Amino acid sequence: MSFKDSMIRGLAMYGVSSMAQAGMTNAKVMRDIINDVEKNAR
């Protein structure tokens, strides 16, 4: 049971750290997409 708990905790920590890293690029990508949509709307 403790091995499973540590695996889940490790996955959670990995997910949080990868989300934090991807968050920076995601914000830029989202801004680019929003800018494209606004350009196409005009």
N, C-alpha and C. Protein backbone atom coordinates (compact mmCIF):
# COMPACT_ATOMS: atom_id res chain seq x y z
N MET A 1 0.83 -1.20 0.00
CA MET A 1 0.00 0.00 0.00
C MET A 1 0.87 1.26 0.00
N SER A 2 1.93 1.25 0.80
CA SER A 2 2.78 2.45 0.87
C SER A 2 3.47 2.68 -0.48
N PHE A 3 3.82 1.60 -1.18
CA PHE A 3 4.44 1.76 -2.51
C PHE A 3 3.47 2.45 -3.46
N LYS A 4 2.19 2.03 -3.42
CA LYS A 4 1.19 2.64 -4.28
C LYS A 4 1.00 4.12 -3.91
N ASP A 5 0.97 4.41 -2.60
CA ASP A 5 0.81 5.79 -2.17
C ASP A 5 1.98 6.65 -2.67
N SER A 6 3.20 6.12 -2.57
CA SER A 6 4.36 6.89 -3.01
C SER A 6 4.34 7.07 -4.53
N MET A 7 3.85 6.06 -5.26
CA MET A 7 3.75 6.21 -6.72
C MET A 7 2.76 7.31 -7.06
N ILE A 8 1.60 7.31 -6.36
CA ILE A 8 0.58 8.33 -6.63
C ILE A 8 1.14 9.71 -6.29
N ARG A 9 1.86 9.79 -5.15
CA ARG A 9 2.43 11.08 -4.76
C ARG A 9 3.46 11.53 -5.79
N GLY A 10 4.28 10.60 -6.28
CA GLY A 10 5.28 10.94 -7.28
C GLY A 10 4.62 11.42 -8.57
N LEU A 11 3.55 10.75 -8.99
CA LEU A 11 2.84 11.17 -10.20
C LEU A 11 2.24 12.55 -10.00
N ALA A 12 1.67 12.81 -8.82
CA ALA A 12 1.06 14.11 -8.54
C ALA A 12 2.13 15.20 -8.60
N MET A 13 3.29 14.95 -7.98
CA MET A 13 4.37 15.95 -7.99
C MET A 13 4.86 16.18 -9.42
N TYR A 14 5.00 15.09 -10.20
CA TYR A 14 5.45 15.22 -11.59
C TYR A 14 4.43 16.02 -12.38
N GLY A 15 3.14 15.75 -12.17
CA GLY A 15 2.09 16.47 -12.89
C GLY A 15 2.13 17.95 -12.55
N VAL A 16 2.32 18.27 -11.27
CA VAL A 16 2.33 19.68 -10.86
C VAL A 16 3.53 20.39 -11.49
N SER A 17 4.71 19.76 -11.44
CA SER A 17 5.90 20.42 -11.98
C SER A 17 5.80 20.57 -13.50
N SER A 18 5.27 19.56 -14.19
CA SER A 18 5.14 19.66 -15.65
C SER A 18 4.08 20.69 -16.01
N MET A 19 3.01 20.78 -15.21
CA MET A 19 1.98 21.79 -15.47
C MET A 19 2.57 23.18 -15.29
N ALA A 20 3.43 23.35 -14.26
CA ALA A 20 4.04 24.66 -14.02
C ALA A 20 4.93 25.04 -15.20
N GLN A 21 5.70 24.07 -15.72
CA GLN A 21 6.57 24.36 -16.86
C GLN A 21 5.75 24.62 -18.10
N ALA A 22 4.71 23.81 -18.34
CA ALA A 22 3.89 23.97 -19.54
C ALA A 22 3.04 25.23 -19.43
N GLY A 23 2.74 25.66 -18.21
CA GLY A 23 1.90 26.84 -18.03
C GLY A 23 2.51 28.07 -18.70
N MET A 24 3.83 28.20 -18.63
CA MET A 24 4.46 29.37 -19.24
C MET A 24 4.26 29.35 -20.75
N THR A 25 4.51 28.22 -21.40
CA THR A 25 4.35 28.15 -22.85
C THR A 25 2.87 28.17 -23.23
N ASN A 26 2.02 27.55 -22.40
CA ASN A 26 0.60 27.54 -22.70
C ASN A 26 0.04 28.95 -22.72
N ALA A 27 0.46 29.80 -21.79
CA ALA A 27 -0.02 31.18 -21.76
C ALA A 27 0.34 31.88 -23.06
N LYS A 28 1.56 31.64 -23.56
CA LYS A 28 2.00 32.27 -24.81
C LYS A 28 1.19 31.72 -25.98
N VAL A 29 0.99 30.42 -26.02
CA VAL A 29 0.23 29.81 -27.12
C VAL A 29 -1.20 30.31 -27.10
N MET A 30 -1.81 30.37 -25.92
CA MET A 30 -3.19 30.86 -25.81
C MET A 30 -3.27 32.30 -26.30
N ARG A 31 -2.28 33.13 -25.94
CA ARG A 31 -2.29 34.53 -26.37
C ARG A 31 -2.19 34.60 -27.90
N ASP A 32 -1.34 33.77 -28.49
CA ASP A 32 -1.21 33.75 -29.95
C ASP A 32 -2.52 33.34 -30.60
N ILE A 33 -3.17 32.31 -30.04
CA ILE A 33 -4.44 31.83 -30.61
C ILE A 33 -5.50 32.93 -30.49
N ILE A 34 -5.56 33.59 -29.33
CA ILE A 34 -6.57 34.65 -29.15
C ILE A 34 -6.29 35.78 -30.14
N ASN A 35 -5.03 36.14 -30.33
CA ASN A 35 -4.69 37.19 -31.29
C ASN A 35 -5.12 36.79 -32.69
N ASP A 36 -4.88 35.55 -33.08
CA ASP A 36 -5.29 35.07 -34.41
C ASP A 36 -6.80 35.14 -34.55
N VAL A 37 -7.52 34.72 -33.53
CA VAL A 37 -8.99 34.74 -33.60
C VAL A 37 -9.48 36.18 -33.75
N GLU A 38 -8.89 37.10 -33.01
CA GLU A 38 -9.32 38.50 -33.11
C GLU A 38 -9.02 39.06 -34.49
N LYS A 39 -7.89 38.67 -35.07
CA LYS A 39 -7.55 39.13 -36.43
C LYS A 39 -8.56 38.58 -37.43
N ASN A 40 -8.88 37.28 -37.31
CA ASN A 40 -9.80 36.65 -38.25
C ASN A 40 -11.21 37.19 -38.09
N ALA A 41 -11.58 37.62 -36.88
CA ALA A 41 -12.94 38.11 -36.64
C ALA A 41 -13.16 39.43 -37.38
N ARG A 42 -12.09 40.22 -37.54
CA ARG A 42 -12.26 41.52 -38.20
C ARG A 42 -12.41 41.37 -39.70
